[in-house]
């Protein structure tokens, strides 16, 4: 389990991020579980490998069949992998204040967390269990990954700064569920900051809670479940 560093951003008495006097405009904070700079080189290599395999296929087939068929075969072989790698490389998620900004393969959009009409915590149980936050604001909905854990007890968690800004944004909402989830995230960031064992981290406890139910379907944590994690 990666050990997060101890950030210098102060919290108020409720555990929320305090505004910085020299930063009137909220700075975007990445909410990616895996830093893009870590996977970008691998995705670039995957894209180049797919394109190279497609070109080789076209050249070889051109010796046996017509060029149009060879080109089509090369595209069928390489295009899906190359497009997928480029799409994953483009995807990003940031939070600036309460504004959630999402960049997808085909565009971008924003969602106001403070104006959320629905906030849910979902757990996908399996060999690699995932816990995510689903935020709904009007007709729009967005999934924010919080952590993933293996059966062996390793995994990856959202970094402390991401937890802080997300908890603060949820605390600005008038939704009771948002405030409850904000408390859970504050507990998680405090556990990460003091390098607590997994059993003392709310997000891992949520995953364990769902694993005990032995369900193969995603589970939406209820109010009672959230209360036990706070």
C-alpha atoms as a PDB file:
ATOM      1  CA  UNK A   1       0.000   0.000   0.000  1.00  0.00           C
ATOM      2  CA  UNK A   2       1.583   3.325  -0.982  1.00  0.00           C
ATOM      3  CA  UNK A   3       2.192   5.551   2.045  1.00  0.00           C
ATOM      4  CA  UNK A   4       0.805   9.039   1.409  1.00  0.00           C
ATOM      5  CA  UNK A   5       2.810  12.010   2.509  1.00  0.00           C
ATOM      6  CA  UNK A   6       1.665  14.431   5.173  1.00  0.00           C
ATOM      7  CA  UNK A   7       0.317  17.556   3.447  1.00  0.00           C
ATOM      8  CA  UNK A   8       0.765  21.053   4.830  1.00  0.00           C
ATOM      9  CA  UNK A   9      -2.716  22.291   3.950  1.00  0.00           C
ATOM     10  CA  UNK A  10      -4.517  23.238   7.199  1.00  0.00           C
ATOM     11  CA  UNK A  11      -7.902  21.972   8.319  1.00  0.00           C
ATOM     12  CA  UNK A  12     -10.487  23.820  10.386  1.00  0.00           C
ATOM     13  CA  UNK A  13     -11.996  22.395  13.572  1.00  0.00           C
ATOM     14  CA  UNK A  14     -14.396  20.309  11.455  1.00  0.00           C
ATOM     15  CA  UNK A  15     -11.591  18.789   9.432  1.00  0.00           C
ATOM     16  CA  UNK A  16     -12.317  20.787   6.281  1.00  0.00           C
ATOM     17  CA  UNK A  17      -9.802  22.550   4.067  1.00  0.00           C
ATOM     18  CA  UNK A  18      -9.340  26.182   5.045  1.00  0.00           C
ATOM     19  CA  UNK A  19      -9.113  28.843   2.357  1.00  0.00           C
ATOM     20  CA  UNK A  20      -5.623  30.103   1.600  1.00  0.00           C
ATOM     21  CA  UNK A  21      -5.247  33.913   1.759  1.00  0.00           C
ATOM     22  CA  UNK A  22      -2.975  34.004  -1.264  1.00  0.00           C
ATOM     23  CA  UNK A  23      -5.209  31.711  -3.337  1.00  0.00           C
ATOM     24  CA  UNK A  24      -8.544  33.499  -3.972  1.00  0.00           C
ATOM     25  CA  UNK A  25      -9.207  31.167  -6.884  1.00  0.00           C
ATOM     26  CA  UNK A  26      -9.366  27.466  -5.881  1.00  0.00           C
ATOM     27  CA  UNK A  27      -6.577  25.476  -7.467  1.00  0.00           C
ATOM     28  CA  UNK A  28      -7.590  22.298  -9.341  1.00  0.00           C
ATOM     29  CA  UNK A  29      -6.699  19.103  -7.501  1.00  0.00           C
ATOM     30  CA  UNK A  30      -6.431  15.846  -9.441  1.00  0.00           C
ATOM     31  CA  UNK A  31      -8.718  13.014  -8.324  1.00  0.00           C
ATOM     32  CA  UNK A  32      -7.017  10.214 -10.246  1.00  0.00           C
ATOM     33  CA  UNK A  33      -6.183   7.129  -8.180  1.00  0.00           C
ATOM     34  CA  UNK A  34      -3.158   6.516 -10.388  1.00  0.00           C
ATOM     35  CA  UNK A  35      -1.194   9.597 -11.393  1.00  0.00           C
ATOM     36  CA  UNK A  36      -1.441  10.172 -15.176  1.00  0.00           C
ATOM     37  CA  UNK A  37       2.306  10.717 -15.453  1.00  0.00           C
ATOM     38  CA  UNK A  38       2.822   7.164 -14.178  1.00  0.00           C
ATOM     39  CA  UNK A  39       0.703   5.482 -16.855  1.00  0.00           C
ATOM     40  CA  UNK A  40       1.314   7.871 -19.766  1.00  0.00           C
ATOM     41  CA  UNK A  41       4.608   6.229 -20.903  1.00  0.00           C
ATOM     42  CA  UNK A  42       3.012   2.764 -20.853  1.00  0.00           C
ATOM     43  CA  UNK A  43      -0.006   3.994 -22.828  1.00  0.00           C
ATOM     44  CA  UNK A  44       2.233   5.665 -25.406  1.00  0.00           C
ATOM     45  CA  UNK A  45       4.178   2.436 -25.843  1.00  0.00           C
ATOM     46  CA  UNK A  46       0.921   0.505 -26.179  1.00  0.00           C
ATOM     47  CA  UNK A  47      -0.305   2.924 -28.851  1.00  0.00           C
ATOM     48  CA  UNK A  48       2.938   2.683 -30.824  1.00  0.00           C
ATOM     49  CA  UNK A  49       2.984  -1.113 -30.505  1.00  0.00           C
ATOM     50  CA  UNK A  50      -0.586  -1.364 -31.799  1.00  0.00           C
ATOM     51  CA  UNK A  51       0.163   0.914 -34.737  1.00  0.00           C
ATOM     52  CA  UNK A  52       3.362  -1.002 -35.492  1.00  0.00           C
ATOM     53  CA  UNK A  53       1.538  -4.340 -35.412  1.00  0.00           C
ATOM     54  CA  UNK A  54      -1.079  -2.941 -37.773  1.00  0.00           C
ATOM     55  CA  UNK A  55       1.527  -1.699 -40.238  1.00  0.00           C
ATOM     56  CA  UNK A  56       3.385  -5.023 -40.226  1.00  0.00           C
ATOM     57  CA  UNK A  57       0.111  -6.868 -40.773  1.00  0.00           C
ATOM     58  CA  UNK A  58      -0.748  -4.636 -43.728  1.00  0.00           C
ATOM     59  CA  UNK A  59       2.653  -5.152 -45.354  1.00  0.00           C
ATOM     60  CA  UNK A  60       2.568  -8.938 -44.937  1.00  0.00           C
ATOM     61  CA  UNK A  61      -1.006  -9.286 -46.173  1.00  0.00           C
ATOM     62  CA  UNK A  62      -0.321  -6.976 -49.107  1.00  0.00           C
ATOM     63  CA  UNK A  63       2.006  -9.669 -50.455  1.00  0.00           C
ATOM     64  CA  UNK A  64      -0.829 -12.194 -50.380  1.00  0.00           C
ATOM     65  CA  UNK A  65      -4.014 -10.219 -51.027  1.00  0.00           C
ATOM     66  CA  UNK A  66      -5.005  -6.849 -52.424  1.00  0.00           C
ATOM     67  CA  UNK A  67      -3.973  -3.609 -50.716  1.00  0.00           C
ATOM     68  CA  UNK A  68      -7.520  -2.594 -49.661  1.00  0.00           C
ATOM     69  CA  UNK A  69      -7.996  -5.886 -47.818  1.00  0.00           C
ATOM     70  CA  UNK A  70      -4.549  -5.604 -46.231  1.00  0.00           C
ATOM     71  CA  UNK A  71      -5.239  -2.054 -45.033  1.00  0.00           C
ATOM     72  CA  UNK A  72      -8.618  -3.068 -43.632  1.00  0.00           C
ATOM     73  CA  UNK A  73      -7.086  -6.005 -41.756  1.00  0.00           C
ATOM     74  CA  UNK A  74      -4.355  -3.784 -40.311  1.00  0.00           C
ATOM     75  CA  UNK A  75      -6.895  -1.246 -39.108  1.00  0.00           C
ATOM     76  CA  UNK A  76      -9.092  -3.921 -37.545  1.00  0.00           C
ATOM     77  CA  UNK A  77      -6.071  -5.270 -35.672  1.00  0.00           C
ATOM     78  CA  UNK A  78      -4.541  -2.009 -34.458  1.00  0.00           C
ATOM     79  CA  UNK A  79      -7.291   0.604 -34.268  1.00  0.00           C
ATOM     80  CA  UNK A  80      -9.220  -0.665 -31.193  1.00  0.00           C
ATOM     81  CA  UNK A  81      -6.122  -0.951 -29.015  1.00  0.00           C
ATOM     82  CA  UNK A  82      -4.646   2.351 -30.191  1.00  0.00           C
ATOM     83  CA  UNK A  83      -7.927   4.229 -29.723  1.00  0.00           C
ATOM     84  CA  UNK A  84      -8.431   2.730 -26.264  1.00  0.00           C
ATOM     85  CA  UNK A  85      -4.912   3.691 -25.155  1.00  0.00           C
ATOM     86  CA  UNK A  86      -5.318   7.259 -26.410  1.00  0.00           C
ATOM     87  CA  UNK A  87      -8.746   7.556 -24.774  1.00  0.00           C
ATOM     88  CA  UNK A  88      -7.436   6.387 -21.391  1.00  0.00           C
ATOM     89  CA  UNK A  89      -4.510   8.793 -21.677  1.00  0.00           C
ATOM     90  CA  UNK A  90      -6.907  11.689 -22.218  1.00  0.00           C
ATOM     91  CA  UNK A  91      -9.223  10.960 -19.278  1.00  0.00           C
ATOM     92  CA  UNK A  92      -8.681  13.192 -16.255  1.00  0.00           C
ATOM     93  CA  UNK A  93     -10.649  14.392 -13.259  1.00  0.00           C
ATOM     94  CA  UNK A  94     -10.074  17.528 -11.183  1.00  0.00           C
ATOM     95  CA  UNK A  95     -11.809  19.317  -8.343  1.00  0.00           C
ATOM     96  CA  UNK A  96     -11.541  23.106  -8.011  1.00  0.00           C
ATOM     97  CA  UNK A  97     -13.472  24.299  -4.986  1.00  0.00           C
ATOM     98  CA  UNK A  98     -16.808  22.547  -5.414  1.00  0.00           C
ATOM     99  CA  UNK A  99     -16.566  22.309  -9.209  1.00  0.00           C
ATOM    100  CA  UNK A 100     -15.811  18.804 -10.442  1.00  0.00           C
ATOM    101  CA  UNK A 101     -14.197  18.882 -13.889  1.00  0.00           C
ATOM    102  CA  UNK A 102     -14.100  15.734 -15.977  1.00  0.00           C
ATOM    103  CA  UNK A 103     -12.293  15.246 -19.272  1.00  0.00           C
ATOM    104  CA  UNK A 104     -13.351  12.195 -21.252  1.00  0.00           C
ATOM    105  CA  UNK A 105     -12.260  10.695 -24.539  1.00  0.00           C
ATOM    106  CA  UNK A 106     -14.788  12.768 -26.456  1.00  0.00           C
ATOM    107  CA  UNK A 107     -15.135  15.999 -24.507  1.00  0.00           C
ATOM    108  CA  UNK A 108     -15.363  17.519 -21.054  1.00  0.00           C
ATOM    109  CA  UNK A 109     -17.986  18.547 -18.528  1.00  0.00           C
ATOM    110  CA  UNK A 110     -18.353  20.047 -15.075  1.00  0.00           C
ATOM    111  CA  UNK A 111     -20.519  19.231 -12.073  1.00  0.00           C
ATOM    112  CA  UNK A 112     -21.153  21.321  -8.962  1.00  0.00           C
ATOM    113  CA  UNK A 113     -20.620  19.069  -5.950  1.00  0.00           C
ATOM    114  CA  UNK A 114     -22.151  21.624  -3.583  1.00  0.00           C
ATOM    115  CA  UNK A 115     -25.384  21.477  -5.605  1.00  0.00           C
ATOM    116  CA  UNK A 116     -25.537  17.671  -5.540  1.00  0.00           C
ATOM    117  CA  UNK A 117     -28.987  16.109  -5.443  1.00  0.00           C
ATOM    118  CA  UNK A 118     -27.622  12.647  -4.687  1.00  0.00           C
ATOM    119  CA  UNK A 119     -24.461  11.255  -3.080  1.00  0.00           C
ATOM    120  CA  UNK A 120     -23.857   7.507  -2.824  1.00  0.00           C
ATOM    121  CA  UNK A 121     -20.934   5.275  -1.904  1.00  0.00           C
ATOM    122  CA  UNK A 122     -20.723   2.090  -3.968  1.00  0.00           C
ATOM    123  CA  UNK A 123     -18.526  -0.936  -3.333  1.00  0.00           C
ATOM    124  CA  UNK A 124     -17.627  -3.402  -6.086  1.00  0.00           C
ATOM    125  CA  UNK A 125     -16.478  -6.537  -4.293  1.00  0.00           C
ATOM    126  CA  UNK A 126     -14.073  -9.002  -5.889  1.00  0.00           C
ATOM    127  CA  UNK A 127     -10.439 -10.028  -5.983  1.00  0.00           C
ATOM    128  CA  UNK A 128      -9.783  -6.366  -6.662  1.00  0.00           C
ATOM    129  CA  UNK A 129     -12.475  -4.525  -4.734  1.00  0.00           C
ATOM    130  CA  UNK A 130     -13.283  -0.933  -5.623  1.00  0.00           C
ATOM    131  CA  UNK A 131     -15.044   1.748  -3.632  1.00  0.00           C
ATOM    132  CA  UNK A 132     -16.340   4.794  -5.485  1.00  0.00           C
ATOM    133  CA  UNK A 133     -18.430   7.880  -4.883  1.00  0.00           C
ATOM    134  CA  UNK A 134     -21.370   8.590  -7.175  1.00  0.00           C
ATOM    135  CA  UNK A 135     -22.375  12.251  -7.266  1.00  0.00           C
ATOM    136  CA  UNK A 136     -25.594  13.321  -8.960  1.00  0.00           C
ATOM    137  CA  UNK A 137     -26.482  16.936  -9.721  1.00  0.00           C
ATOM    138  CA  UNK A 138     -29.704  17.252 -11.663  1.00  0.00           C
ATOM    139  CA  UNK A 139     -29.511  15.117 -14.810  1.00  0.00           C
ATOM    140  CA  UNK A 140     -25.733  14.664 -14.529  1.00  0.00           C
ATOM    141  CA  UNK A 141     -23.951  11.949 -12.596  1.00  0.00           C
ATOM    142  CA  UNK A 142     -20.260  11.233 -12.075  1.00  0.00           C
ATOM    143  CA  UNK A 143     -18.283   8.403 -10.495  1.00  0.00           C
ATOM    144  CA  UNK A 144     -15.252   9.401  -8.409  1.00  0.00           C
ATOM    145  CA  UNK A 145     -12.890   6.521  -7.487  1.00  0.00           C
ATOM    146  CA  UNK A 146     -11.886   6.520  -3.826  1.00  0.00           C
ATOM    147  CA  UNK A 147      -9.822   3.355  -3.365  1.00  0.00           C
ATOM    148  CA  UNK A 148      -9.198  -0.174  -4.549  1.00  0.00           C
ATOM    149  CA  UNK A 149      -7.977  -3.117  -2.484  1.00  0.00           C
ATOM    150  CA  UNK A 150      -6.869  -6.664  -3.243  1.00  0.00           C
ATOM    151  CA  UNK A 151      -7.682  -9.720  -1.152  1.00  0.00           C
ATOM    152  CA  UNK A 152      -4.070  -9.684   0.034  1.00  0.00           C
ATOM    153  CA  UNK A 153      -4.557  -6.286   1.664  1.00  0.00           C
ATOM    154  CA  UNK A 154      -2.688  -4.134  -0.832  1.00  0.00           C
ATOM    155  CA  UNK A 155      -4.144  -1.527  -3.125  1.00  0.00           C
ATOM    156  CA  UNK A 156      -4.338   2.171  -3.803  1.00  0.00           C
ATOM    157  CA  UNK A 157      -6.209   5.018  -2.142  1.00  0.00           C
ATOM    158  CA  UNK A 158      -7.062   8.548  -3.171  1.00  0.00           C
ATOM    159  CA  UNK A 159      -4.301  10.848  -1.974  1.00  0.00           C
ATOM    160  CA  UNK A 160      -4.768  13.061   1.082  1.00  0.00           C
ATOM    161  CA  UNK A 161      -5.149  16.346  -0.817  1.00  0.00           C
ATOM    162  CA  UNK A 162      -7.831  14.789  -3.014  1.00  0.00           C
ATOM    163  CA  UNK A 163      -9.685  13.506   0.050  1.00  0.00           C
ATOM    164  CA  UNK A 164      -9.475  16.910   1.709  1.00  0.00           C
ATOM    165  CA  UNK A 165     -10.815  18.892  -1.225  1.00  0.00           C
ATOM    166  CA  UNK A 166     -13.552  16.336  -1.925  1.00  0.00           C
ATOM    167  CA  UNK A 167     -14.635  16.280   1.734  1.00  0.00           C
ATOM    168  CA  UNK A 168     -14.705  20.074   1.803  1.00  0.00           C
ATOM    169  CA  UNK A 169     -16.790  20.252  -1.384  1.00  0.00           C
ATOM    170  CA  UNK A 170     -19.300  17.740   0.014  1.00  0.00           C
ATOM    171  CA  UNK A 171     -19.488  19.689   3.280  1.00  0.00           C
ATOM    172  CA  UNK A 172     -20.765  22.706   1.327  1.00  0.00           C
ATOM    173  CA  UNK A 173     -23.803  20.741   0.229  1.00  0.00           C
ATOM    174  CA  UNK A 174     -27.120  20.915   2.081  1.00  0.00           C
ATOM    175  CA  UNK A 175     -27.624  17.199   1.454  1.00  0.00           C
ATOM    176  CA  UNK A 176     -27.453  15.071   4.611  1.00  0.00           C
ATOM    177  CA  UNK A 177     -25.863  12.180   2.713  1.00  0.00           C
ATOM    178  CA  UNK A 178     -23.120  14.488   1.426  1.00  0.00           C
ATOM    179  CA  UNK A 179     -22.283  15.607   4.961  1.00  0.00           C
ATOM    180  CA  UNK A 180     -22.136  11.998   6.157  1.00  0.00           C
ATOM    181  CA  UNK A 181     -19.797  10.974   3.340  1.00  0.00           C
ATOM    182  CA  UNK A 182     -17.674  14.058   4.027  1.00  0.00           C
ATOM    183  CA  UNK A 183     -17.165  12.803   7.598  1.00  0.00           C
ATOM    184  CA  UNK A 184     -16.082   9.395   6.286  1.00  0.00           C
ATOM    185  CA  UNK A 185     -13.533  11.001   3.951  1.00  0.00           C
ATOM    186  CA  UNK A 186     -12.178  13.133   6.789  1.00  0.00           C
ATOM    187  CA  UNK A 187     -11.719   9.976   8.850  1.00  0.00           C
ATOM    188  CA  UNK A 188      -9.958   8.332   5.909  1.00  0.00           C
ATOM    189  CA  UNK A 189      -7.527  11.193   5.343  1.00  0.00           C
ATOM    190  CA  UNK A 190      -6.673  11.299   9.036  1.00  0.00           C
ATOM    191  CA  UNK A 191      -6.034   7.553   9.012  1.00  0.00           C
ATOM    192  CA  UNK A 192      -3.807   7.883   5.942  1.00  0.00           C
ATOM    193  CA  UNK A 193      -1.959  10.849   7.442  1.00  0.00           C
ATOM    194  CA  UNK A 194      -0.987   8.863  10.543  1.00  0.00           C
ATOM    195  CA  UNK A 195      -0.232   5.752   8.482  1.00  0.00           C
ATOM    196  CA  UNK A 196      -2.921   3.740  10.266  1.00  0.00           C
ATOM    197  CA  UNK A 197      -3.330  -0.003   9.594  1.00  0.00           C
ATOM    198  CA  UNK A 198      -5.865  -0.940   6.943  1.00  0.00           C
ATOM    199  CA  UNK A 199      -8.359  -2.103   9.534  1.00  0.00           C
ATOM    200  CA  UNK A 200      -8.551   1.443  10.904  1.00  0.00           C
ATOM    201  CA  UNK A 201      -9.192   3.080   7.533  1.00  0.00           C
ATOM    202  CA  UNK A 202     -12.891   3.770   6.818  1.00  0.00           C
ATOM    203  CA  UNK A 203     -12.703   2.982   3.097  1.00  0.00           C
ATOM    204  CA  UNK A 204     -11.098  -0.407   3.704  1.00  0.00           C
ATOM    205  CA  UNK A 205     -13.627  -1.154   6.434  1.00  0.00           C
ATOM    206  CA  UNK A 206     -16.395  -0.373   3.934  1.00  0.00           C
ATOM    207  CA  UNK A 207     -14.939  -2.906   1.505  1.00  0.00           C
ATOM    208  CA  UNK A 208     -14.660  -5.508   4.261  1.00  0.00           C
ATOM    209  CA  UNK A 209     -18.269  -4.825   5.218  1.00  0.00           C
ATOM    210  CA  UNK A 210     -19.440  -5.665   1.703  1.00  0.00           C
ATOM    211  CA  UNK A 211     -17.133  -8.683   1.374  1.00  0.00           C
ATOM    212  CA  UNK A 212     -18.792 -10.199   4.434  1.00  0.00           C
ATOM    213  CA  UNK A 213     -22.121 -10.051   2.602  1.00  0.00           C
ATOM    214  CA  UNK A 214     -20.645 -12.214  -0.169  1.00  0.00           C
ATOM    215  CA  UNK A 215     -22.382 -10.246  -2.917  1.00  0.00           C
ATOM    216  CA  UNK A 216     -21.239 -10.248  -6.540  1.00  0.00           C
ATOM    217  CA  UNK A 217     -23.305  -7.162  -7.361  1.00  0.00           C
ATOM    218  CA  UNK A 218     -22.230  -3.586  -6.565  1.00  0.00           C
ATOM    219  CA  UNK A 219     -23.538  -2.546  -3.154  1.00  0.00           C
ATOM    220  CA  UNK A 220     -24.733   0.966  -2.326  1.00  0.00           C
ATOM    221  CA  UNK A 221     -23.897   1.661   1.303  1.00  0.00           C
ATOM    222  CA  UNK A 222     -26.908   2.700   3.349  1.00  0.00           C
ATOM    223  CA  UNK A 223     -27.120   5.430   5.973  1.00  0.00           C
ATOM    224  CA  UNK A 224     -26.441   2.911   8.750  1.00  0.00           C
ATOM    225  CA  UNK A 225     -23.348   1.609   6.957  1.00  0.00           C
ATOM    226  CA  UNK A 226     -22.024   5.143   6.479  1.00  0.00           C
ATOM    227  CA  UNK A 227     -22.664   5.935  10.140  1.00  0.00           C
ATOM    228  CA  UNK A 228     -20.555   2.962  11.272  1.00  0.00           C
ATOM    229  CA  UNK A 229     -17.624   4.213   9.180  1.00  0.00           C
ATOM    230  CA  UNK A 230     -17.605   7.796  10.469  1.00  0.00           C
END
